[in-house]
């Protein structure tokens, strides 16, 4: 059995699909909650620029399959 300490994090390059989004301050939690429920394959996200009250944050999401990437794009882009 593999312990959680032995599991290596996947690099972004190992995902086939990538989507960048820009969202206002306070919207990331709703997006992450949706992803946890709706996506069927592995996914990750990365913070590129922090959001503030005057400008949106910049986030990159990585997906294993096209179904998840398309669903995410329709919902959040």
N, C-alpha and C. Protein backbone atom coordinates (compact mmCIF):
# COMPACT_ATOMS: atom_id res chain seq x y z
N UNK A 1 0.84 -1.18 0.00
CA UNK A 1 0.00 0.00 0.00
C UNK A 1 0.89 1.25 0.00
N UNK A 2 0.50 2.25 -0.79
CA UNK A 2 1.27 3.48 -0.90
C UNK A 2 0.77 4.49 0.12
N UNK A 3 1.67 5.06 0.88
CA UNK A 3 1.27 6.09 1.82
C UNK A 3 1.09 7.41 1.09
N UNK A 4 0.37 8.32 1.71
CA UNK A 4 0.12 9.61 1.08
C UNK A 4 1.41 10.41 0.91
N UNK A 5 2.43 10.12 1.70
CA UNK A 5 3.69 10.83 1.58
C UNK A 5 4.46 10.38 0.34
N UNK A 6 4.16 9.18 -0.17
CA UNK A 6 4.87 8.66 -1.32
C UNK A 6 4.26 9.13 -2.64
N UNK A 7 3.06 9.65 -2.61
CA UNK A 7 2.41 10.08 -3.84
C UNK A 7 3.02 11.39 -4.32
N UNK A 8 3.45 11.40 -5.56
CA UNK A 8 4.06 12.59 -6.15
C UNK A 8 2.98 13.44 -6.80
N UNK A 9 3.12 14.74 -6.69
CA UNK A 9 2.20 15.66 -7.36
C UNK A 9 2.48 15.61 -8.86
N UNK A 10 1.42 15.67 -9.63
CA UNK A 10 1.56 15.67 -11.09
C UNK A 10 1.99 17.04 -11.58
N UNK A 11 2.81 17.05 -12.58
CA UNK A 11 3.20 18.32 -13.18
C UNK A 11 2.11 18.79 -14.13
N UNK A 12 2.08 20.07 -14.41
CA UNK A 12 1.08 20.62 -15.31
C UNK A 12 1.22 20.02 -16.70
N UNK A 13 2.42 19.68 -17.10
CA UNK A 13 2.66 19.13 -18.43
C UNK A 13 2.01 17.76 -18.63
N UNK A 14 1.64 17.09 -17.55
CA UNK A 14 1.04 15.77 -17.68
C UNK A 14 -0.45 15.81 -17.99
N UNK A 15 -1.06 17.00 -17.96
CA UNK A 15 -2.48 17.14 -18.29
C UNK A 15 -2.62 17.51 -19.76
N UNK A 16 -3.66 16.97 -20.40
CA UNK A 16 -3.86 17.18 -21.83
C UNK A 16 -4.58 18.48 -22.16
N UNK A 17 -5.34 19.02 -21.22
CA UNK A 17 -6.17 20.19 -21.50
C UNK A 17 -5.92 21.29 -20.46
N UNK A 18 -5.90 22.52 -20.94
CA UNK A 18 -5.61 23.67 -20.08
C UNK A 18 -6.59 24.78 -20.41
N UNK A 19 -7.07 25.46 -19.36
CA UNK A 19 -7.96 26.61 -19.56
C UNK A 19 -7.58 27.69 -18.56
N UNK A 20 -7.34 28.89 -19.05
CA UNK A 20 -7.05 30.04 -18.19
C UNK A 20 -8.32 30.87 -18.05
N UNK A 21 -8.59 31.30 -16.82
CA UNK A 21 -9.75 32.16 -16.57
C UNK A 21 -9.33 33.35 -15.72
N UNK A 22 -10.12 34.40 -15.79
CA UNK A 22 -9.94 35.60 -14.99
C UNK A 22 -11.25 35.83 -14.25
N UNK A 23 -11.20 35.83 -12.93
CA UNK A 23 -12.42 35.98 -12.13
C UNK A 23 -12.22 37.00 -11.03
N UNK A 24 -13.29 37.73 -10.70
CA UNK A 24 -13.22 38.74 -9.64
C UNK A 24 -12.96 38.12 -8.26
N UNK A 25 -12.56 38.97 -7.37
CA UNK A 25 -12.32 38.61 -5.98
C UNK A 25 -13.54 37.88 -5.40
N UNK A 26 -13.31 36.74 -4.76
CA UNK A 26 -14.36 36.02 -4.07
C UNK A 26 -15.08 34.95 -4.87
N UNK A 27 -14.75 34.76 -6.16
CA UNK A 27 -15.46 33.76 -6.96
C UNK A 27 -14.76 32.41 -7.01
N UNK A 28 -13.53 32.32 -6.60
CA UNK A 28 -12.78 31.07 -6.73
C UNK A 28 -13.40 29.93 -5.94
N UNK A 29 -13.89 30.18 -4.74
CA UNK A 29 -14.46 29.10 -3.92
C UNK A 29 -15.62 28.41 -4.63
N UNK A 30 -16.49 29.17 -5.27
CA UNK A 30 -17.62 28.58 -5.99
C UNK A 30 -17.13 27.72 -7.16
N UNK A 31 -16.11 28.16 -7.84
CA UNK A 31 -15.55 27.41 -8.96
C UNK A 31 -14.95 26.10 -8.47
N UNK A 32 -14.18 26.15 -7.41
CA UNK A 32 -13.56 24.93 -6.87
C UNK A 32 -14.60 23.96 -6.35
N UNK A 33 -15.64 24.45 -5.69
CA UNK A 33 -16.72 23.58 -5.23
C UNK A 33 -17.40 22.89 -6.40
N UNK A 34 -17.66 23.63 -7.47
CA UNK A 34 -18.27 23.05 -8.67
C UNK A 34 -17.38 21.97 -9.26
N UNK A 35 -16.09 22.25 -9.36
CA UNK A 35 -15.15 21.27 -9.92
C UNK A 35 -15.13 19.97 -9.12
N UNK A 36 -15.16 20.08 -7.81
CA UNK A 36 -15.12 18.89 -6.95
C UNK A 36 -16.33 17.99 -7.17
N UNK A 37 -17.46 18.56 -7.53
CA UNK A 37 -18.69 17.80 -7.72
C UNK A 37 -18.85 17.34 -9.16
N UNK A 38 -18.56 18.19 -10.12
CA UNK A 38 -18.92 17.94 -11.51
C UNK A 38 -17.85 17.25 -12.37
N UNK A 39 -16.60 17.44 -12.06
CA UNK A 39 -15.56 16.88 -12.92
C UNK A 39 -15.33 15.40 -12.62
N UNK A 40 -15.10 14.61 -13.68
CA UNK A 40 -15.02 13.17 -13.52
C UNK A 40 -13.59 12.63 -13.51
N UNK A 41 -12.65 13.38 -14.04
CA UNK A 41 -11.25 12.95 -14.08
C UNK A 41 -10.40 13.88 -13.22
N UNK A 42 -9.12 13.56 -13.16
CA UNK A 42 -8.23 14.42 -12.37
C UNK A 42 -8.13 15.81 -12.95
N UNK A 43 -7.97 16.76 -12.07
CA UNK A 43 -7.81 18.16 -12.46
C UNK A 43 -6.97 18.86 -11.41
N UNK A 44 -6.39 19.97 -11.79
CA UNK A 44 -5.61 20.81 -10.88
C UNK A 44 -5.87 22.26 -11.25
N UNK A 45 -5.49 23.15 -10.36
CA UNK A 45 -5.56 24.57 -10.68
C UNK A 45 -4.31 25.25 -10.14
N UNK A 46 -4.02 26.41 -10.72
CA UNK A 46 -2.84 27.17 -10.34
C UNK A 46 -3.22 28.65 -10.26
N UNK A 47 -2.80 29.30 -9.22
CA UNK A 47 -2.96 30.74 -9.08
C UNK A 47 -1.82 31.42 -9.82
N UNK A 48 -2.17 32.32 -10.75
CA UNK A 48 -1.15 33.06 -11.49
C UNK A 48 -1.06 34.49 -10.96
N UNK A 49 -2.20 35.17 -10.82
CA UNK A 49 -2.26 36.51 -10.24
C UNK A 49 -3.39 36.56 -9.22
N UNK A 50 -3.12 37.09 -8.06
CA UNK A 50 -4.11 37.20 -6.99
C UNK A 50 -5.15 38.26 -7.36
N UNK A 51 -6.42 37.97 -7.08
CA UNK A 51 -7.48 38.96 -7.33
C UNK A 51 -7.48 40.00 -6.22
N UNK A 52 -8.04 41.14 -6.54
CA UNK A 52 -8.22 42.21 -5.55
C UNK A 52 -9.59 42.82 -5.78
N UNK A 53 -9.92 43.83 -5.03
CA UNK A 53 -11.21 44.50 -5.21
C UNK A 53 -11.28 45.26 -6.53
N UNK A 54 -10.13 45.54 -7.13
CA UNK A 54 -10.11 46.34 -8.36
C UNK A 54 -9.76 45.55 -9.62
N UNK A 55 -9.25 44.32 -9.47
CA UNK A 55 -8.92 43.55 -10.66
C UNK A 55 -9.14 42.05 -10.40
N UNK A 56 -9.51 41.34 -11.46
CA UNK A 56 -9.76 39.90 -11.30
C UNK A 56 -8.48 39.11 -11.11
N UNK A 57 -8.63 37.95 -10.52
CA UNK A 57 -7.50 37.04 -10.39
C UNK A 57 -7.34 36.25 -11.67
N UNK A 58 -6.15 35.73 -11.85
CA UNK A 58 -5.85 34.92 -13.04
C UNK A 58 -5.52 33.52 -12.56
N UNK A 59 -6.24 32.52 -13.10
CA UNK A 59 -6.11 31.13 -12.68
C UNK A 59 -5.96 30.24 -13.91
N UNK A 60 -5.18 29.18 -13.78
CA UNK A 60 -5.06 28.19 -14.84
C UNK A 60 -5.55 26.86 -14.29
N UNK A 61 -6.47 26.24 -15.02
CA UNK A 61 -7.00 24.93 -14.66
C UNK A 61 -6.51 23.89 -15.65
N UNK A 62 -6.17 22.72 -15.14
CA UNK A 62 -5.63 21.62 -15.94
C UNK A 62 -6.58 20.44 -15.82
N UNK A 63 -6.83 19.76 -16.95
CA UNK A 63 -7.80 18.66 -16.99
C UNK A 63 -7.21 17.46 -17.71
N UNK A 64 -7.69 16.27 -17.33
CA UNK A 64 -7.28 15.04 -17.99
C UNK A 64 -8.10 14.72 -19.23
N UNK A 65 -9.34 15.19 -19.29
CA UNK A 65 -10.13 14.83 -20.46
C UNK A 65 -10.90 16.02 -21.03
N UNK A 66 -11.30 15.86 -22.28
CA UNK A 66 -11.98 16.94 -22.98
C UNK A 66 -13.36 17.22 -22.41
N UNK A 67 -14.04 16.21 -21.89
CA UNK A 67 -15.37 16.40 -21.31
C UNK A 67 -15.31 17.40 -20.16
N UNK A 68 -14.35 17.23 -19.27
CA UNK A 68 -14.21 18.14 -18.13
C UNK A 68 -13.82 19.54 -18.58
N UNK A 69 -12.92 19.63 -19.54
CA UNK A 69 -12.48 20.94 -20.02
C UNK A 69 -13.63 21.68 -20.69
N UNK A 70 -14.44 21.00 -21.49
CA UNK A 70 -15.56 21.64 -22.16
C UNK A 70 -16.62 22.07 -21.14
N UNK A 71 -16.95 21.21 -20.18
CA UNK A 71 -17.93 21.56 -19.16
C UNK A 71 -17.46 22.77 -18.36
N UNK A 72 -16.21 22.78 -17.99
CA UNK A 72 -15.63 23.91 -17.25
C UNK A 72 -15.71 25.20 -18.08
N UNK A 73 -15.34 25.09 -19.34
CA UNK A 73 -15.35 26.26 -20.23
C UNK A 73 -16.74 26.84 -20.38
N UNK A 74 -17.72 25.97 -20.57
CA UNK A 74 -19.11 26.44 -20.71
C UNK A 74 -19.58 27.12 -19.43
N UNK A 75 -19.25 26.54 -18.30
CA UNK A 75 -19.73 27.08 -17.02
C UNK A 75 -18.99 28.34 -16.59
N UNK A 76 -17.68 28.41 -16.77
CA UNK A 76 -16.89 29.46 -16.11
C UNK A 76 -16.17 30.44 -17.04
N UNK A 77 -16.15 30.21 -18.32
CA UNK A 77 -15.46 31.15 -19.22
C UNK A 77 -16.36 32.24 -19.71
